[in-house]
Amino acid sequence: MRIKPLPRWLQKRYAILWDKLKDNPFNFETAQKILGDKPEVLNVAFSQMRKDGWLEVSFDPNDARKRIYRLVPLEKAYKELAKTTKVKK
């Protein structure tokens, strides 16, 4: 997994979701209720968070058309980010 720093608009959403859910699994509807975002905005946010390594996605075992999401813990993400960030001397 390759972690990239999140833009501020995504950092805010990550922090809100983490405060409510920690690393517990959740669905799209739960995130939408917590954040109050329109579905289009949430789709873009989740896509970017997944691409940058901050969100894990799997299929819902009860309905393969739906997804289950899980936030990557900050400690794990920062450790991974530190490994991939080059230190300039």
PDB file of N, CA and C in Angstrom:
ATOM      1  N   MET A   1       0.854  -1.179   0.000  1.00  0.00           N
ATOM      2  CA  MET A   1       0.000   0.000   0.000  1.00  0.00           C
ATOM      3  C   MET A   1       0.895   1.235   0.000  1.00  0.00           C
ATOM      4  N   ARG A   2       0.588   2.166  -0.839  1.00  0.00           N
ATOM      5  CA  ARG A   2       1.350   3.408  -0.913  1.00  0.00           C
ATOM      6  C   ARG A   2       0.467   4.548  -0.431  1.00  0.00           C
ATOM      7  N   ILE A   3       0.894   5.190   0.625  1.00  0.00           N
ATOM      8  CA  ILE A   3       0.135   6.303   1.223  1.00  0.00           C
ATOM      9  C   ILE A   3       0.653   7.618   0.654  1.00  0.00           C
ATOM     10  N   LYS A   4      -0.274   8.503   0.326  1.00  0.00           N
ATOM     11  CA  LYS A   4       0.067   9.853  -0.112  1.00  0.00           C
ATOM     12  C   LYS A   4      -0.640  10.835   0.815  1.00  0.00           C
ATOM     13  N   PRO A   5      -0.058  12.012   1.028  1.00  0.00           N
ATOM     14  CA  PRO A   5      -0.736  13.017   1.863  1.00  0.00           C
ATOM     15  C   PRO A   5      -2.087  13.409   1.253  1.00  0.00           C
ATOM     16  N   LEU A   6      -3.055  13.622   2.113  1.00  0.00           N
ATOM     17  CA  LEU A   6      -4.389  14.016   1.659  1.00  0.00           C
ATOM     18  C   LEU A   6      -4.499  15.531   1.544  1.00  0.00           C
ATOM     19  N   PRO A   7      -5.249  16.016   0.540  1.00  0.00           N
ATOM     20  CA  PRO A   7      -5.566  17.446   0.486  1.00  0.00           C
ATOM     21  C   PRO A   7      -6.417  17.830   1.696  1.00  0.00           C
ATOM     22  N   ARG A   8      -6.416  19.101   2.051  1.00  0.00           N
ATOM     23  CA  ARG A   8      -7.145  19.568   3.249  1.00  0.00           C
ATOM     24  C   ARG A   8      -8.625  19.184   3.240  1.00  0.00           C
ATOM     25  N   TRP A   9      -9.285  19.295   2.088  1.00  0.00           N
ATOM     26  CA  TRP A   9     -10.717  18.995   2.046  1.00  0.00           C
ATOM     27  C   TRP A   9     -10.976  17.537   2.389  1.00  0.00           C
ATOM     28  N   LEU A  10     -10.024  16.653   2.095  1.00  0.00           N
ATOM     29  CA  LEU A  10     -10.175  15.248   2.453  1.00  0.00           C
ATOM     30  C   LEU A  10      -9.715  14.977   3.878  1.00  0.00           C
ATOM     31  N   GLN A  11      -8.728  15.712   4.354  1.00  0.00           N
ATOM     32  CA  GLN A  11      -8.286  15.563   5.742  1.00  0.00           C
ATOM     33  C   GLN A  11      -9.448  15.834   6.691  1.00  0.00           C
ATOM     34  N   LYS A  12     -10.228  16.851   6.378  1.00  0.00           N
ATOM     35  CA  LYS A  12     -11.375  17.209   7.211  1.00  0.00           C
ATOM     36  C   LYS A  12     -12.396  16.067   7.257  1.00  0.00           C
ATOM     37  N   ARG A  13     -12.705  15.507   6.103  1.00  0.00           N
ATOM     38  CA  ARG A  13     -13.677  14.410   6.048  1.00  0.00           C
ATOM     39  C   ARG A  13     -13.143  13.161   6.747  1.00  0.00           C
ATOM     40  N   TYR A  14     -11.865  12.874   6.542  1.00  0.00           N
ATOM     41  CA  TYR A  14     -11.253  11.728   7.213  1.00  0.00           C
ATOM     42  C   TYR A  14     -11.370  11.906   8.725  1.00  0.00           C
ATOM     43  N   ALA A  15     -11.037  13.090   9.233  1.00  0.00           N
ATOM     44  CA  ALA A  15     -11.069  13.350  10.678  1.00  0.00           C
ATOM     45  C   ALA A  15     -12.474  13.185  11.251  1.00  0.00           C
ATOM     46  N   ILE A  16     -13.470  13.665  10.537  1.00  0.00           N
ATOM     47  CA  ILE A  16     -14.857  13.543  11.003  1.00  0.00           C
ATOM     48  C   ILE A  16     -15.273  12.077  11.047  1.00  0.00           C
ATOM     49  N   LEU A  17     -14.970  11.345   9.975  1.00  0.00           N
ATOM     50  CA  LEU A  17     -15.319   9.926   9.942  1.00  0.00           C
ATOM     51  C   LEU A  17     -14.559   9.147  11.007  1.00  0.00           C
ATOM     52  N   TRP A  18     -13.266   9.454  11.176  1.00  0.00           N
ATOM     53  CA  TRP A  18     -12.469   8.746  12.183  1.00  0.00           C
ATOM     54  C   TRP A  18     -13.022   8.990  13.578  1.00  0.00           C
ATOM     55  N   ASP A  19     -13.432  10.225  13.860  1.00  0.00           N
ATOM     56  CA  ASP A  19     -13.979  10.564  15.167  1.00  0.00           C
ATOM     57  C   ASP A  19     -15.221   9.726  15.485  1.00  0.00           C
ATOM     58  N   LYS A  20     -16.038   9.471  14.483  1.00  0.00           N
ATOM     59  CA  LYS A  20     -17.283   8.719  14.692  1.00  0.00           C
ATOM     60  C   LYS A  20     -17.096   7.206  14.577  1.00  0.00           C
ATOM     61  N   LEU A  21     -16.228   6.761  13.648  1.00  0.00           N
ATOM     62  CA  LEU A  21     -16.194   5.344  13.293  1.00  0.00           C
ATOM     63  C   LEU A  21     -14.897   4.614  13.631  1.00  0.00           C
ATOM     64  N   LYS A  22     -13.824   5.358  13.864  1.00  0.00           N
ATOM     65  CA  LYS A  22     -12.486   4.760  14.038  1.00  0.00           C
ATOM     66  C   LYS A  22     -12.200   3.863  12.831  1.00  0.00           C
ATOM     67  N   ASP A  23     -11.691   2.642  13.071  1.00  0.00           N
ATOM     68  CA  ASP A  23     -11.413   1.754  11.937  1.00  0.00           C
ATOM     69  C   ASP A  23     -12.484   0.669  11.785  1.00  0.00           C
ATOM     70  N   ASN A  24     -13.689   0.967  12.251  1.00  0.00           N
ATOM     71  CA  ASN A  24     -14.816   0.045  12.091  1.00  0.00           C
ATOM     72  C   ASN A  24     -15.343   0.115  10.658  1.00  0.00           C
ATOM     73  N   PRO A  25     -15.838  -0.994  10.133  1.00  0.00           N
ATOM     74  CA  PRO A  25     -16.398  -0.973   8.780  1.00  0.00           C
ATOM     75  C   PRO A  25     -17.682  -0.144   8.738  1.00  0.00           C
ATOM     76  N   PHE A  26     -17.916   0.482   7.578  1.00  0.00           N
ATOM     77  CA  PHE A  26     -19.124   1.290   7.392  1.00  0.00           C
ATOM     78  C   PHE A  26     -19.516   1.261   5.924  1.00  0.00           C
ATOM     79  N   ASN A  27     -20.748   1.689   5.652  1.00  0.00           N
ATOM     80  CA  ASN A  27     -21.215   1.739   4.265  1.00  0.00           C
ATOM     81  C   ASN A  27     -21.348   3.189   3.809  1.00  0.00           C
ATOM     82  N   PHE A  28     -21.667   3.344   2.537  1.00  0.00           N
ATOM     83  CA  PHE A  28     -21.770   4.664   1.923  1.00  0.00           C
ATOM     84  C   PHE A  28     -22.830   5.516   2.615  1.00  0.00           C
ATOM     85  N   GLU A  29     -23.960   4.919   2.911  1.00  0.00           N
ATOM     86  CA  GLU A  29     -25.068   5.657   3.521  1.00  0.00           C
ATOM     87  C   GLU A  29     -24.693   6.188   4.901  1.00  0.00           C
ATOM     88  N   THR A  30     -23.962   5.396   5.668  1.00  0.00           N
ATOM     89  CA  THR A  30     -23.522   5.844   6.992  1.00  0.00           C
ATOM     90  C   THR A  30     -22.599   7.051   6.865  1.00  0.00           C
ATOM     91  N   ALA A  31     -21.650   6.977   5.952  1.00  0.00           N
ATOM     92  CA  ALA A  31     -20.723   8.098   5.734  1.00  0.00           C
ATOM     93  C   ALA A  31     -21.468   9.337   5.274  1.00  0.00           C
ATOM     94  N   GLN A  32     -22.447   9.152   4.409  1.00  0.00           N
ATOM     95  CA  GLN A  32     -23.217  10.285   3.905  1.00  0.00           C
ATOM     96  C   GLN A  32     -23.991  10.967   5.036  1.00  0.00           C
ATOM     97  N   LYS A  33     -24.561  10.182   5.941  1.00  0.00           N
ATOM     98  CA  LYS A  33     -25.277  10.757   7.080  1.00  0.00           C
ATOM     99  C   LYS A  33     -24.337  11.530   7.995  1.00  0.00           C
ATOM    100  N   ILE A  34     -23.152  10.999   8.224  1.00  0.00           N
ATOM    101  CA  ILE A  34     -22.191  11.648   9.117  1.00  0.00           C
ATOM    102  C   ILE A  34     -21.656  12.934   8.508  1.00  0.00           C
ATOM    103  N   LEU A  35     -21.292  12.882   7.228  1.00  0.00           N
ATOM    104  CA  LEU A  35     -20.662  14.040   6.585  1.00  0.00           C
ATOM    105  C   LEU A  35     -21.655  15.047   6.023  1.00  0.00           C
ATOM    106  N   GLY A  36     -22.832  14.564   5.636  1.00  0.00           N
ATOM    107  CA  GLY A  36     -23.824  15.453   5.033  1.00  0.00           C
ATOM    108  C   GLY A  36     -23.477  15.860   3.616  1.00  0.00           C
ATOM    109  N   ASP A  37     -22.588  15.117   2.971  1.00  0.00           N
ATOM    110  CA  ASP A  37     -22.186  15.425   1.591  1.00  0.00           C
ATOM    111  C   ASP A  37     -23.179  14.854   0.591  1.00  0.00           C
ATOM    112  N   LYS A  38     -23.223  15.477  -0.589  1.00  0.00           N
ATOM    113  CA  LYS A  38     -23.993  14.916  -1.688  1.00  0.00           C
ATOM    114  C   LYS A  38     -23.283  13.650  -2.168  1.00  0.00           C
ATOM    115  N   PRO A  39     -24.017  12.702  -2.723  1.00  0.00           N
ATOM    116  CA  PRO A  39     -23.394  11.452  -3.188  1.00  0.00           C
ATOM    117  C   PRO A  39     -22.242  11.673  -4.171  1.00  0.00           C
ATOM    118  N   GLU A  40     -22.376  12.671  -5.051  1.00  0.00           N
ATOM    119  CA  GLU A  40     -21.320  12.931  -6.030  1.00  0.00           C
ATOM    120  C   GLU A  40     -20.019  13.350  -5.346  1.00  0.00           C
ATOM    121  N   VAL A  41     -20.128  14.187  -4.331  1.00  0.00           N
ATOM    122  CA  VAL A  41     -18.952  14.658  -3.592  1.00  0.00           C
ATOM    123  C   VAL A  41     -18.329  13.502  -2.820  1.00  0.00           C
ATOM    124  N   LEU A  42     -19.155  12.702  -2.199  1.00  0.00           N
ATOM    125  CA  LEU A  42     -18.663  11.569  -1.423  1.00  0.00           C
ATOM    126  C   LEU A  42     -17.995  10.524  -2.317  1.00  0.00           C
ATOM    127  N   ASN A  43     -18.533  10.309  -3.510  1.00  0.00           N
ATOM    128  CA  ASN A  43     -17.890   9.392  -4.456  1.00  0.00           C
ATOM    129  C   ASN A  43     -16.485   9.857  -4.815  1.00  0.00           C
ATOM    130  N   VAL A  44     -16.337  11.140  -5.088  1.00  0.00           N
ATOM    131  CA  VAL A  44     -15.025  11.695  -5.420  1.00  0.00           C
ATOM    132  C   VAL A  44     -14.088  11.589  -4.220  1.00  0.00           C
ATOM    133  N   ALA A  45     -14.587  11.919  -3.040  1.00  0.00           N
ATOM    134  CA  ALA A  45     -13.772  11.855  -1.823  1.00  0.00           C
ATOM    135  C   ALA A  45     -13.295  10.428  -1.565  1.00  0.00           C
ATOM    136  N   PHE A  46     -14.201   9.465  -1.636  1.00  0.00           N
ATOM    137  CA  PHE A  46     -13.826   8.068  -1.390  1.00  0.00           C
ATOM    138  C   PHE A  46     -12.857   7.559  -2.452  1.00  0.00           C
ATOM    139  N   SER A  47     -13.071   7.941  -3.677  1.00  0.00           N
ATOM    140  CA  SER A  47     -12.173   7.520  -4.747  1.00  0.00           C
ATOM    141  C   SER A  47     -10.755   8.019  -4.490  1.00  0.00           C
ATOM    142  N   GLN A  48     -10.629   9.279  -4.127  1.00  0.00           N
ATOM    143  CA  GLN A  48      -9.308   9.865  -3.868  1.00  0.00           C
ATOM    144  C   GLN A  48      -8.674   9.280  -2.607  1.00  0.00           C
ATOM    145  N   MET A  49      -9.471   9.101  -1.563  1.00  0.00           N
ATOM    146  CA  MET A  49      -8.945   8.520  -0.324  1.00  0.00           C
ATOM    147  C   MET A  49      -8.473   7.083  -0.544  1.00  0.00           C
ATOM    148  N   ARG A  50      -9.197   6.326  -1.346  1.00  0.00           N
ATOM    149  CA  ARG A  50      -8.798   4.960  -1.659  1.00  0.00           C
ATOM    150  C   ARG A  50      -7.508   4.963  -2.485  1.00  0.00           C
ATOM    151  N   LYS A  51      -7.463   5.822  -3.485  1.00  0.00           N
ATOM    152  CA  LYS A  51      -6.290   5.907  -4.354  1.00  0.00           C
ATOM    153  C   LYS A  51      -5.042   6.322  -3.569  1.00  0.00           C
ATOM    154  N   ASP A  52      -5.213   7.202  -2.590  1.00  0.00           N
ATOM    155  CA  ASP A  52      -4.089   7.697  -1.791  1.00  0.00           C
ATOM    156  C   ASP A  52      -3.762   6.798  -0.606  1.00  0.00           C
ATOM    157  N   GLY A  53      -4.517   5.706  -0.425  1.00  0.00           N
ATOM    158  CA  GLY A  53      -4.190   4.709   0.587  1.00  0.00           C
ATOM    159  C   GLY A  53      -4.792   4.925   1.964  1.00  0.00           C
ATOM    160  N   TRP A  54      -5.763   5.810   2.089  1.00  0.00           N
ATOM    161  CA  TRP A  54      -6.362   6.129   3.388  1.00  0.00           C
ATOM    162  C   TRP A  54      -7.681   5.403   3.643  1.00  0.00           C
ATOM    163  N   LEU A  55      -8.184   4.695   2.632  1.00  0.00           N
ATOM    164  CA  LEU A  55      -9.475   4.026   2.735  1.00  0.00           C
ATOM    165  C   LEU A  55      -9.382   2.654   2.075  1.00  0.00           C
ATOM    166  N   GLU A  56      -9.801   1.639   2.807  1.00  0.00           N
ATOM    167  CA  GLU A  56      -9.848   0.283   2.266  1.00  0.00           C
ATOM    168  C   GLU A  56     -11.283  -0.020   1.868  1.00  0.00           C
ATOM    169  N   VAL A  57     -11.444  -0.693   0.725  1.00  0.00           N
ATOM    170  CA  VAL A  57     -12.767  -0.978   0.196  1.00  0.00           C
ATOM    171  C   VAL A  57     -12.890  -2.471  -0.073  1.00  0.00           C
ATOM    172  N   SER A  58     -14.030  -3.051   0.309  1.00  0.00           N
ATOM    173  CA  SER A  58     -14.317  -4.447   0.007  1.00  0.00           C
ATOM    174  C   SER A  58     -15.793  -4.571  -0.363  1.00  0.00           C
ATOM    175  N   PHE A  59     -16.152  -5.724  -0.916  1.00  0.00           N
ATOM    176  CA  PHE A  59     -17.548  -5.959  -1.274  1.00  0.00           C
ATOM    177  C   PHE A  59     -18.354  -6.320  -0.038  1.00  0.00           C
ATOM    178  N   ASP A  60     -19.588  -5.888  -0.018  1.00  0.00           N
ATOM    179  CA  ASP A  60     -20.523  -6.261   1.035  1.00  0.00           C
ATOM    180  C   ASP A  60     -20.865  -7.743   0.846  1.00  0.00           C
ATOM    181  N   PRO A  61     -20.654  -8.590   1.860  1.00  0.00           N
ATOM    182  CA  PRO A  61     -20.936 -10.016   1.692  1.00  0.00           C
ATOM    183  C   PRO A  61     -22.422 -10.312   1.451  1.00  0.00           C
ATOM    184  N   ASN A  62     -23.290  -9.393   1.835  1.00  0.00           N
ATOM    185  CA  ASN A  62     -24.735  -9.598   1.654  1.00  0.00           C
ATOM    186  C   ASN A  62     -25.249  -9.081   0.309  1.00  0.00           C
ATOM    187  N   ASP A  63     -24.507  -8.163  -0.304  1.00  0.00           N
ATOM    188  CA  ASP A  63     -24.934  -7.578  -1.578  1.00  0.00           C
ATOM    189  C   ASP A  63     -23.691  -7.125  -2.333  1.00  0.00           C
ATOM    190  N   ALA A  64     -23.276  -7.886  -3.331  1.00  0.00           N
ATOM    191  CA  ALA A  64     -22.036  -7.611  -4.068  1.00  0.00           C
ATOM    192  C   ALA A  64     -22.078  -6.296  -4.838  1.00  0.00           C
ATOM    193  N   ARG A  65     -23.233  -5.683  -4.961  1.00  0.00           N
ATOM    194  CA  ARG A  65     -23.321  -4.382  -5.633  1.00  0.00           C
ATOM    195  C   ARG A  65     -22.891  -3.248  -4.709  1.00  0.00           C
ATOM    196  N   LYS A  66     -22.860  -3.520  -3.416  1.00  0.00           N
ATOM    197  CA  LYS A  66     -22.510  -2.492  -2.423  1.00  0.00           C
ATOM    198  C   LYS A  66     -21.105  -2.715  -1.899  1.00  0.00           C
ATOM    199  N   ARG A  67     -20.544  -1.667  -1.305  1.00  0.00           N
ATOM    200  CA  ARG A  67     -19.186  -1.717  -0.778  1.00  0.00           C
ATOM    201  C   ARG A  67     -19.194  -1.491   0.729  1.00  0.00           C
ATOM    202  N   ILE A  68     -18.178  -2.049   1.372  1.00  0.00           N
ATOM    203  CA  ILE A  68     -17.911  -1.808   2.784  1.00  0.00           C
ATOM    204  C   ILE A  68     -16.577  -1.062   2.843  1.00  0.00           C
ATOM    205  N   TYR A  69     -16.544   0.007   3.626  1.00  0.00           N
ATOM    206  CA  TYR A  69     -15.355   0.850   3.729  1.00  0.00           C
ATOM    207  C   TYR A  69     -14.752   0.738   5.121  1.00  0.00           C
ATOM    208  N   ARG A  70     -13.457   0.971   5.190  1.00  0.00           N
ATOM    209  CA  ARG A  70     -12.753   0.999   6.483  1.00  0.00           C
ATOM    210  C   ARG A  70     -11.611   2.011   6.348  1.00  0.00           C
ATOM    211  N   LEU A  71     -11.534   2.940   7.308  1.00  0.00           N
ATOM    212  CA  LEU A  71     -10.456   3.925   7.302  1.00  0.00           C
ATOM    213  C   LEU A  71      -9.155   3.284   7.767  1.00  0.00           C
ATOM    214  N   VAL A  72      -8.064   3.664   7.133  1.00  0.00           N
ATOM    215  CA  VAL A  72      -6.746   3.210   7.557  1.00  0.00           C
ATOM    216  C   VAL A  72      -6.367   4.040   8.780  1.00  0.00           C
ATOM    217  N   PRO A  73      -5.969   3.404   9.899  1.00  0.00           N
ATOM    218  CA  PRO A  73      -5.604   4.157  11.102  1.00  0.00           C
ATOM    219  C   PRO A  73      -4.458   5.139  10.837  1.00  0.00           C
ATOM    220  N   LEU A  74      -4.517   6.287  11.488  1.00  0.00           N
ATOM    221  CA  LEU A  74      -3.495   7.318  11.305  1.00  0.00           C
ATOM    222  C   LEU A  74      -2.087   6.793  11.571  1.00  0.00           C
ATOM    223  N   GLU A  75      -1.920   6.019  12.633  1.00  0.00           N
ATOM    224  CA  GLU A  75      -0.590   5.521  12.980  1.00  0.00           C
ATOM    225  C   GLU A  75      -0.011   4.687  11.841  1.00  0.00           C
ATOM    226  N   LYS A  76      -0.823   3.816  11.294  1.00  0.00           N
ATOM    227  CA  LYS A  76      -0.393   2.958  10.190  1.00  0.00           C
ATOM    228  C   LYS A  76      -0.093   3.802   8.952  1.00  0.00           C
ATOM    229  N   ALA A  77      -0.950   4.751   8.665  1.00  0.00           N
ATOM    230  CA  ALA A  77      -0.765   5.607   7.494  1.00  0.00           C
ATOM    231  C   ALA A  77       0.497   6.456   7.618  1.00  0.00           C
ATOM    232  N   TYR A  78       0.735   7.033   8.794  1.00  0.00           N
ATOM    233  CA  TYR A  78       1.922   7.873   8.984  1.00  0.00           C
ATOM    234  C   TYR A  78       3.209   7.060   8.910  1.00  0.00           C
ATOM    235  N   LYS A  79       3.189   5.840   9.441  1.00  0.00           N
ATOM    236  CA  LYS A  79       4.372   4.980   9.338  1.00  0.00           C
ATOM    237  C   LYS A  79       4.676   4.677   7.882  1.00  0.00           C
ATOM    238  N   GLU A  80       3.649   4.364   7.137  1.00  0.00           N
ATOM    239  CA  GLU A  80       3.822   4.060   5.713  1.00  0.00           C
ATOM    240  C   GLU A  80       4.259   5.307   4.949  1.00  0.00           C
ATOM    241  N   LEU A  81       3.692   6.446   5.292  1.00  0.00           N
ATOM    242  CA  LEU A  81       4.052   7.700   4.645  1.00  0.00           C
ATOM    243  C   LEU A  81       5.509   8.056   4.931  1.00  0.00           C
ATOM    244  N   ALA A  82       5.950   7.821   6.159  1.00  0.00           N
ATOM    245  CA  ALA A  82       7.342   8.104   6.527  1.00  0.00           C
ATOM    246  C   ALA A  82       8.312   7.228   5.736  1.00  0.00           C
ATOM    247  N   LYS A  83       7.926   5.997   5.459  1.00  0.00           N
ATOM    248  CA  LYS A  83       8.780   5.092   4.692  1.00  0.00           C
ATOM    249  C   LYS A  83       8.958   5.565   3.252  1.00  0.00           C
ATOM    250  N   THR A  84       7.896   6.141   2.677  1.00  0.00           N
ATOM    251  CA  THR A  84       7.933   6.517   1.274  1.00  0.00           C
ATOM    252  C   THR A  84       8.403   7.941   1.032  1.00  0.00           C
ATOM    253  N   THR A  85       8.481   8.740   2.090  1.00  0.00           N
ATOM    254  CA  THR A  85       8.923  10.125   1.950  1.00  0.00           C
ATOM    255  C   THR A  85      10.436  10.194   2.095  1.00  0.00           C
ATOM    256  N   LYS A  86      11.069  10.781   1.100  1.00  0.00           N
ATOM    257  CA  LYS A  86      12.518  10.905   1.144  1.00  0.00           C
ATOM    258  C   LYS A  86      12.909  12.101   1.997  1.00  0.00           C
ATOM    259  N   VAL A  87      13.921  11.918   2.811  1.00  0.00           N
ATOM    260  CA  VAL A  87      14.426  12.991   3.661  1.00  0.00           C
ATOM    261  C   VAL A  87      15.573  13.662   2.926  1.00  0.00           C
ATOM    262  N   LYS A  88      15.492  14.982   2.764  1.00  0.00           N
ATOM    263  CA  LYS A  88      16.556  15.736   2.103  1.00  0.00           C
ATOM    264  C   LYS A  88      17.604  16.125   3.118  1.00  0.00           C
ATOM    265  N   LYS A  89      18.862  15.953   2.752  1.00  0.00           N
ATOM    266  CA  LYS A  89      19.962  16.315   3.653  1.00  0.00           C
ATOM    267  C   LYS A  89      20.605  17.604   3.203  1.00  0.00           C
TER     268      LYS A  89
END
